[in-house]
Amino acid sequence: MKLTRKLAGAGAAVALTLTGLAATAGPAQAAAYNGACGTGYRVIDSMSVGGSGTGTAYLTYNNGWNCVVTVSNTPGQRDWMKASIELSSAKGGGWIDDEDYYTKYAGPVYVYAPSACIDWGGTVGYKGSIWLQWNDHCG
């Protein structure tokens, strides 16, 4: 079992790899938030996930509710996808996930955090791995 971490910026974006999978490059199209969280949610952050531009995780917000959707950059292609969110105070023990083989997106997953920090992330194409932002969007 292999554990890989990639740290970037104050939010500490982290890629946790639990299996030794190699990234494969392929043509990537720009993903766009698909509105899956519902009416009134606006995108407040996003991150490229899965390596080689395979997907994008979107964090949206509406009146205290945070929502994550992970969108494939190659819609129609069946692939492992995951969308995850938790209150940072749960310290890794409160993840709300949607993960499976999908053709368009994983999620939505929600957490109510009007005055708290959250951890969130997703992946496309890497079962056992996830790209994360920790202790993010506080308040």
N, C-alpha and C. Protein backbone atom coordinates (compact mmCIF):
# COMPACT_ATOMS: atom_id res chain seq x y z
N MET A 1 0.85 -1.17 0.00
CA MET A 1 0.00 0.00 0.00
C MET A 1 0.90 1.24 0.00
N LYS A 2 0.62 2.17 -0.87
CA LYS A 2 1.46 3.36 -1.03
C LYS A 2 0.65 4.59 -0.65
N LEU A 3 1.25 5.55 0.06
CA LEU A 3 0.60 6.78 0.45
C LEU A 3 1.39 7.94 -0.13
N THR A 4 0.74 8.74 -0.98
CA THR A 4 1.39 9.88 -1.59
C THR A 4 0.64 11.14 -1.21
N ARG A 5 1.35 12.19 -0.87
CA ARG A 5 0.73 13.46 -0.53
C ARG A 5 1.33 14.55 -1.39
N LYS A 6 0.46 15.42 -1.91
CA LYS A 6 0.89 16.60 -2.64
C LYS A 6 0.34 17.80 -1.90
N LEU A 7 1.19 18.68 -1.39
CA LEU A 7 0.75 19.84 -0.64
C LEU A 7 0.92 21.08 -1.49
N ALA A 8 -0.09 21.97 -1.43
CA ALA A 8 -0.03 23.21 -2.18
C ALA A 8 -0.82 24.28 -1.46
N GLY A 9 -0.19 25.42 -1.18
CA GLY A 9 -0.88 26.57 -0.63
C GLY A 9 -1.33 26.38 0.80
N ALA A 10 -1.97 27.43 1.34
CA ALA A 10 -2.41 27.42 2.73
C ALA A 10 -3.52 26.40 2.97
N GLY A 11 -4.32 26.11 1.96
CA GLY A 11 -5.40 25.14 2.09
C GLY A 11 -4.90 23.71 2.06
N ALA A 12 -3.64 23.52 1.74
CA ALA A 12 -3.00 22.21 1.68
C ALA A 12 -3.80 21.21 0.86
N ALA A 13 -3.77 21.38 -0.44
CA ALA A 13 -4.42 20.40 -1.33
C ALA A 13 -3.63 19.11 -1.21
N VAL A 14 -4.32 18.02 -1.00
CA VAL A 14 -3.65 16.76 -0.73
C VAL A 14 -4.19 15.68 -1.66
N ALA A 15 -3.28 14.95 -2.27
CA ALA A 15 -3.69 13.79 -3.06
C ALA A 15 -3.26 12.56 -2.29
N LEU A 16 -4.20 11.75 -1.88
CA LEU A 16 -3.91 10.53 -1.15
C LEU A 16 -4.05 9.35 -2.10
N THR A 17 -2.96 8.65 -2.35
CA THR A 17 -2.99 7.52 -3.24
C THR A 17 -2.78 6.26 -2.42
N LEU A 18 -3.79 5.39 -2.42
CA LEU A 18 -3.70 4.17 -1.65
C LEU A 18 -3.35 2.97 -2.51
N THR A 19 -3.38 3.16 -3.83
CA THR A 19 -2.97 2.10 -4.73
C THR A 19 -1.98 2.69 -5.71
N GLY A 20 -1.08 1.90 -6.21
CA GLY A 20 -0.05 2.39 -7.13
C GLY A 20 -0.57 2.45 -8.56
N LEU A 21 -1.36 3.44 -8.89
CA LEU A 21 -1.90 3.58 -10.24
C LEU A 21 -1.11 4.61 -11.02
N ALA A 22 -0.87 4.35 -12.28
CA ALA A 22 -0.15 5.29 -13.12
C ALA A 22 -1.15 6.18 -13.84
N ALA A 23 -0.82 7.46 -13.95
CA ALA A 23 -1.68 8.39 -14.67
C ALA A 23 -1.53 8.15 -16.17
N THR A 24 -2.65 8.18 -16.85
CA THR A 24 -2.60 8.04 -18.29
C THR A 24 -3.17 9.29 -18.92
N ALA A 25 -2.45 9.87 -19.83
CA ALA A 25 -2.89 11.10 -20.47
C ALA A 25 -3.88 10.78 -21.57
N GLY A 26 -4.81 11.65 -21.74
CA GLY A 26 -5.80 11.50 -22.80
C GLY A 26 -6.39 12.85 -23.10
N PRO A 27 -7.16 12.96 -24.16
CA PRO A 27 -7.73 14.25 -24.48
C PRO A 27 -8.72 14.66 -23.40
N ALA A 28 -8.57 15.88 -22.91
CA ALA A 28 -9.45 16.37 -21.87
C ALA A 28 -10.26 17.55 -22.38
N GLN A 29 -11.52 17.56 -22.01
CA GLN A 29 -12.37 18.68 -22.31
C GLN A 29 -12.61 19.42 -21.00
N ALA A 30 -12.85 20.70 -21.07
CA ALA A 30 -13.11 21.47 -19.87
C ALA A 30 -14.45 21.07 -19.29
N ALA A 31 -14.45 20.64 -18.02
CA ALA A 31 -15.70 20.31 -17.34
C ALA A 31 -16.33 21.61 -16.85
N ALA A 32 -17.62 21.59 -16.70
CA ALA A 32 -18.33 22.74 -16.16
C ALA A 32 -19.27 22.24 -15.08
N TYR A 33 -19.47 23.07 -14.05
CA TYR A 33 -20.41 22.71 -13.00
C TYR A 33 -21.77 22.48 -13.64
N ASN A 34 -22.43 21.41 -13.24
CA ASN A 34 -23.64 20.95 -13.90
C ASN A 34 -24.94 21.29 -13.17
N GLY A 35 -24.87 22.05 -12.08
CA GLY A 35 -26.07 22.43 -11.36
C GLY A 35 -26.66 21.34 -10.49
N ALA A 36 -25.95 20.24 -10.28
CA ALA A 36 -26.48 19.08 -9.57
C ALA A 36 -26.81 19.35 -8.10
N CYS A 37 -26.21 20.37 -7.49
CA CYS A 37 -26.49 20.64 -6.07
C CYS A 37 -27.87 21.24 -5.86
N GLY A 38 -28.43 21.86 -6.90
CA GLY A 38 -29.77 22.41 -6.80
C GLY A 38 -29.81 23.91 -6.98
N THR A 39 -31.02 24.43 -6.95
CA THR A 39 -31.26 25.86 -7.14
C THR A 39 -30.64 26.68 -6.02
N GLY A 40 -30.01 27.77 -6.37
CA GLY A 40 -29.45 28.69 -5.39
C GLY A 40 -28.01 28.43 -5.02
N TYR A 41 -27.45 27.29 -5.41
CA TYR A 41 -26.06 26.99 -5.10
C TYR A 41 -25.16 27.68 -6.12
N ARG A 42 -24.09 28.34 -5.60
CA ARG A 42 -23.13 28.99 -6.49
C ARG A 42 -21.75 28.37 -6.25
N VAL A 43 -20.98 28.25 -7.30
CA VAL A 43 -19.63 27.69 -7.20
C VAL A 43 -18.74 28.68 -6.46
N ILE A 44 -18.09 28.20 -5.38
CA ILE A 44 -17.16 29.05 -4.64
C ILE A 44 -15.72 28.56 -4.76
N ASP A 45 -15.53 27.35 -5.30
CA ASP A 45 -14.17 26.84 -5.49
C ASP A 45 -14.25 25.61 -6.41
N SER A 46 -13.12 25.29 -7.00
CA SER A 46 -13.02 24.08 -7.82
C SER A 46 -11.58 23.63 -7.85
N MET A 47 -11.37 22.37 -8.19
CA MET A 47 -10.01 21.85 -8.33
C MET A 47 -10.00 20.75 -9.39
N SER A 48 -8.90 20.71 -10.12
CA SER A 48 -8.68 19.63 -11.08
C SER A 48 -8.35 18.38 -10.29
N VAL A 49 -9.00 17.27 -10.63
CA VAL A 49 -8.80 16.02 -9.89
C VAL A 49 -8.56 14.86 -10.84
N GLY A 50 -7.86 13.86 -10.36
CA GLY A 50 -7.67 12.64 -11.12
C GLY A 50 -6.43 12.61 -11.99
N GLY A 51 -5.72 13.68 -12.10
CA GLY A 51 -4.51 13.69 -12.92
C GLY A 51 -4.83 13.78 -14.40
N SER A 52 -3.98 14.41 -15.15
CA SER A 52 -4.10 14.56 -16.60
C SER A 52 -5.44 15.14 -17.04
N GLY A 53 -6.04 15.98 -16.18
CA GLY A 53 -7.28 16.65 -16.53
C GLY A 53 -8.49 15.77 -16.67
N THR A 54 -8.57 14.68 -15.90
CA THR A 54 -9.69 13.75 -16.04
C THR A 54 -10.98 14.24 -15.41
N GLY A 55 -10.91 15.19 -14.48
CA GLY A 55 -12.13 15.68 -13.86
C GLY A 55 -11.93 16.94 -13.07
N THR A 56 -13.05 17.50 -12.60
CA THR A 56 -13.05 18.71 -11.79
C THR A 56 -14.03 18.52 -10.64
N ALA A 57 -13.57 18.82 -9.42
CA ALA A 57 -14.45 18.82 -8.25
C ALA A 57 -14.89 20.26 -8.01
N TYR A 58 -16.18 20.44 -7.82
CA TYR A 58 -16.74 21.76 -7.57
C TYR A 58 -17.31 21.83 -6.16
N LEU A 59 -16.97 22.91 -5.45
CA LEU A 59 -17.56 23.21 -4.15
C LEU A 59 -18.55 24.34 -4.36
N THR A 60 -19.79 24.11 -3.95
CA THR A 60 -20.83 25.13 -4.08
C THR A 60 -21.38 25.46 -2.70
N TYR A 61 -22.07 26.59 -2.60
CA TYR A 61 -22.57 27.07 -1.32
C TYR A 61 -23.94 27.71 -1.49
N ASN A 62 -24.82 27.49 -0.49
CA ASN A 62 -26.13 28.12 -0.45
C ASN A 62 -26.63 28.18 0.99
N ASN A 63 -26.61 29.37 1.58
CA ASN A 63 -27.22 29.61 2.88
C ASN A 63 -26.79 28.62 3.97
N GLY A 64 -25.48 28.46 4.14
CA GLY A 64 -24.94 27.57 5.17
C GLY A 64 -24.65 26.16 4.71
N TRP A 65 -25.20 25.77 3.59
CA TRP A 65 -24.98 24.42 3.05
C TRP A 65 -23.86 24.44 2.03
N ASN A 66 -22.91 23.52 2.18
CA ASN A 66 -21.83 23.30 1.21
C ASN A 66 -22.14 22.01 0.46
N CYS A 67 -21.83 21.99 -0.83
CA CYS A 67 -22.11 20.83 -1.66
C CYS A 67 -20.93 20.58 -2.59
N VAL A 68 -20.58 19.31 -2.81
CA VAL A 68 -19.50 18.94 -3.72
C VAL A 68 -20.04 18.01 -4.80
N VAL A 69 -19.64 18.30 -6.04
CA VAL A 69 -19.92 17.47 -7.20
C VAL A 69 -18.61 17.31 -7.95
N THR A 70 -18.27 16.09 -8.35
CA THR A 70 -17.10 15.83 -9.17
C THR A 70 -17.58 15.47 -10.57
N VAL A 71 -17.13 16.25 -11.56
CA VAL A 71 -17.59 16.11 -12.93
C VAL A 71 -16.47 15.55 -13.81
N SER A 72 -16.80 14.56 -14.63
CA SER A 72 -15.83 14.00 -15.56
C SER A 72 -15.60 14.95 -16.73
N ASN A 73 -14.36 15.03 -17.16
CA ASN A 73 -14.02 15.81 -18.36
C ASN A 73 -14.24 15.00 -19.63
N THR A 74 -14.59 13.73 -19.48
CA THR A 74 -14.90 12.87 -20.64
C THR A 74 -16.26 12.23 -20.40
N PRO A 75 -17.34 13.03 -20.43
CA PRO A 75 -18.67 12.48 -20.15
C PRO A 75 -19.02 11.35 -21.11
N GLY A 76 -19.72 10.36 -20.58
CA GLY A 76 -20.09 9.19 -21.36
C GLY A 76 -19.13 8.04 -21.16
N GLN A 77 -17.91 8.33 -20.72
CA GLN A 77 -16.93 7.28 -20.45
C GLN A 77 -17.10 6.82 -19.01
N ARG A 78 -17.41 5.56 -18.80
CA ARG A 78 -17.62 5.01 -17.45
C ARG A 78 -16.28 4.96 -16.72
N ASP A 79 -16.24 5.59 -15.53
CA ASP A 79 -15.00 5.67 -14.78
C ASP A 79 -15.33 5.77 -13.29
N TRP A 80 -14.34 5.41 -12.45
CA TRP A 80 -14.48 5.55 -11.00
C TRP A 80 -14.50 7.03 -10.67
N MET A 81 -15.52 7.48 -9.92
CA MET A 81 -15.61 8.88 -9.51
C MET A 81 -16.01 8.96 -8.04
N LYS A 82 -15.57 10.04 -7.41
CA LYS A 82 -15.89 10.24 -6.00
C LYS A 82 -16.03 11.73 -5.72
N ALA A 83 -17.03 12.07 -4.90
CA ALA A 83 -17.21 13.42 -4.37
C ALA A 83 -17.29 13.27 -2.85
N SER A 84 -16.55 14.11 -2.11
CA SER A 84 -16.48 13.96 -0.65
C SER A 84 -16.50 15.31 0.04
N ILE A 85 -17.10 15.33 1.25
CA ILE A 85 -17.13 16.55 2.07
C ILE A 85 -17.29 16.15 3.53
N GLU A 86 -16.74 16.95 4.43
CA GLU A 86 -16.94 16.76 5.86
C GLU A 86 -16.66 18.06 6.59
N LEU A 87 -17.15 18.17 7.82
CA LEU A 87 -16.75 19.26 8.70
C LEU A 87 -15.30 19.01 9.11
N SER A 88 -14.46 20.02 9.05
CA SER A 88 -13.05 19.84 9.43
C SER A 88 -12.91 19.37 10.87
N SER A 89 -13.83 19.77 11.72
CA SER A 89 -13.77 19.36 13.13
C SER A 89 -13.92 17.85 13.29
N ALA A 90 -14.41 17.15 12.28
CA ALA A 90 -14.55 15.69 12.35
C ALA A 90 -13.20 14.99 12.19
N LYS A 91 -12.18 15.73 11.73
CA LYS A 91 -10.81 15.23 11.61
C LYS A 91 -10.70 13.90 10.87
N GLY A 92 -11.40 13.80 9.74
CA GLY A 92 -11.32 12.60 8.91
C GLY A 92 -12.33 11.53 9.24
N GLY A 93 -13.12 11.73 10.29
CA GLY A 93 -14.07 10.70 10.70
C GLY A 93 -15.51 10.98 10.32
N GLY A 94 -15.75 12.02 9.54
CA GLY A 94 -17.13 12.38 9.22
C GLY A 94 -17.39 12.55 7.74
N TRP A 95 -16.66 11.85 6.91
CA TRP A 95 -16.80 12.02 5.46
C TRP A 95 -18.17 11.60 4.97
N ILE A 96 -18.72 12.43 4.11
CA ILE A 96 -19.94 12.13 3.37
C ILE A 96 -19.49 11.96 1.93
N ASP A 97 -19.65 10.75 1.39
CA ASP A 97 -19.10 10.42 0.08
C ASP A 97 -20.17 9.90 -0.87
N ASP A 98 -19.92 10.12 -2.14
CA ASP A 98 -20.62 9.40 -3.20
C ASP A 98 -19.53 8.89 -4.12
N GLU A 99 -19.40 7.57 -4.22
CA GLU A 99 -18.36 7.00 -5.07
C GLU A 99 -18.86 5.73 -5.73
N ASP A 100 -18.54 5.62 -7.01
CA ASP A 100 -18.95 4.46 -7.79
C ASP A 100 -18.43 4.67 -9.21
N TYR A 101 -18.78 3.76 -10.10
CA TYR A 101 -18.47 3.94 -11.51
C TYR A 101 -19.61 4.73 -12.14
N TYR A 102 -19.30 5.90 -12.66
CA TYR A 102 -20.29 6.79 -13.26
C TYR A 102 -19.82 7.22 -14.65
N THR A 103 -20.74 7.76 -15.43
CA THR A 103 -20.38 8.26 -16.77
C THR A 103 -20.35 9.78 -16.85
N LYS A 104 -20.92 10.47 -15.86
CA LYS A 104 -20.96 11.94 -15.91
C LYS A 104 -20.40 12.60 -14.66
N TYR A 105 -20.93 12.25 -13.48
CA TYR A 105 -20.48 12.91 -12.26
C TYR A 105 -20.80 12.08 -11.02
N ALA A 106 -20.07 12.39 -9.93
CA ALA A 106 -20.33 11.84 -8.60
C ALA A 106 -20.87 12.96 -7.73
N GLY A 107 -21.75 12.62 -6.82
CA GLY A 107 -22.38 13.61 -5.96
C GLY A 107 -23.79 13.86 -6.44
N PRO A 108 -24.42 14.81 -5.87
CA PRO A 108 -23.92 15.78 -4.90
C PRO A 108 -23.85 15.21 -3.47
N VAL A 109 -22.93 15.75 -2.68
CA VAL A 109 -22.83 15.45 -1.25
C VAL A 109 -22.85 16.79 -0.51
N TYR A 110 -23.51 16.81 0.64
CA TYR A 110 -23.76 18.06 1.35
C TYR A 110 -23.31 17.99 2.81
N VAL A 111 -22.93 19.17 3.34
CA VAL A 111 -22.72 19.33 4.78
C VAL A 111 -23.14 20.75 5.14
N TYR A 112 -23.81 20.87 6.30
CA TYR A 112 -24.22 22.18 6.80
C TYR A 112 -23.10 22.72 7.66
N ALA A 113 -22.53 23.86 7.29
CA ALA A 113 -21.37 24.40 7.99
C ALA A 113 -21.37 25.93 7.92
N PRO A 114 -22.38 26.60 8.50
CA PRO A 114 -22.46 28.05 8.36
C PRO A 114 -21.34 28.82 9.07
N SER A 115 -20.76 28.26 10.12
CA SER A 115 -19.69 28.95 10.86
C SER A 115 -18.54 27.99 11.15
N ALA A 116 -18.23 27.13 10.18
CA ALA A 116 -17.21 26.11 10.40
C ALA A 116 -16.38 25.92 9.15
N CYS A 117 -15.23 25.27 9.30
CA CYS A 117 -14.37 24.92 8.17
C CYS A 117 -14.80 23.56 7.63
N ILE A 118 -14.50 23.33 6.35
CA ILE A 118 -14.82 22.05 5.74
C ILE A 118 -13.58 21.45 5.08
N ASP A 119 -13.63 20.14 4.87
CA ASP A 119 -12.68 19.40 4.05
C ASP A 119 -13.49 18.89 2.87
N TRP A 120 -12.92 18.95 1.68
CA TRP A 120 -13.69 18.52 0.51
C TRP A 120 -12.76 18.08 -0.60
N GLY A 121 -13.29 17.30 -1.55
CA GLY A 121 -12.49 16.87 -2.67
C GLY A 121 -13.20 15.86 -3.53
N GLY A 122 -12.43 15.25 -4.43
CA GLY A 122 -12.98 14.27 -5.33
C GLY A 122 -11.91 13.62 -6.17
N THR A 123 -12.34 12.70 -7.01
CA THR A 123 -11.43 12.06 -7.95
C THR A 123 -12.22 11.52 -9.13
N VAL A 124 -11.51 11.36 -10.23
CA VAL A 124 -12.03 10.67 -11.41
C VAL A 124 -10.94 9.73 -11.88
N GLY A 125 -11.24 8.46 -11.99
CA GLY A 125 -10.32 7.49 -12.57
C GLY A 125 -9.33 6.85 -11.63
N TYR A 126 -9.36 7.19 -10.34
CA TYR A 126 -8.38 6.64 -9.41
C TYR A 126 -9.07 6.05 -8.20
N LYS A 127 -9.55 4.82 -8.31
CA LYS A 127 -10.20 4.16 -7.18
C LYS A 127 -9.18 4.02 -6.05
N GLY A 128 -9.57 4.44 -4.85
CA GLY A 128 -8.66 4.40 -3.71
C GLY A 128 -7.87 5.67 -3.52
N SER A 129 -8.09 6.68 -4.36
CA SER A 129 -7.37 7.94 -4.27
C SER A 129 -8.36 9.09 -4.23
N ILE A 130 -7.92 10.21 -3.65
CA ILE A 130 -8.76 11.41 -3.66
C ILE A 130 -7.89 12.65 -3.53
N TRP A 131 -8.26 13.67 -4.24
CA TRP A 131 -7.60 14.98 -4.14
C TRP A 131 -8.43 15.79 -3.17
N LEU A 132 -7.80 16.39 -2.14
CA LEU A 132 -8.52 17.04 -1.06
C LEU A 132 -8.04 18.45 -0.76
N GLN A 133 -8.93 19.27 -0.26
CA GLN A 133 -8.63 20.54 0.37
C GLN A 133 -9.04 20.36 1.84
N TRP A 134 -8.12 20.66 2.75
CA TRP A 134 -8.37 20.50 4.18
C TRP A 134 -8.57 21.87 4.83
N ASN A 135 -9.43 21.92 5.85
CA ASN A 135 -9.61 23.11 6.67
C ASN A 135 -9.83 24.34 5.78
N ASP A 136 -10.83 24.26 4.93
CA ASP A 136 -11.03 25.22 3.87
C ASP A 136 -12.37 25.96 4.04
N HIS A 137 -12.48 27.12 3.44
CA HIS A 137 -13.71 27.92 3.40
C HIS A 137 -14.37 28.01 4.78
N CYS A 138 -13.61 28.56 5.72
CA CYS A 138 -14.07 28.69 7.11
C CYS A 138 -15.00 29.89 7.26
N GLY A 139 -16.04 29.70 8.02
CA GLY A 139 -16.90 30.83 8.36
C GLY A 139 -18.16 30.82 7.67
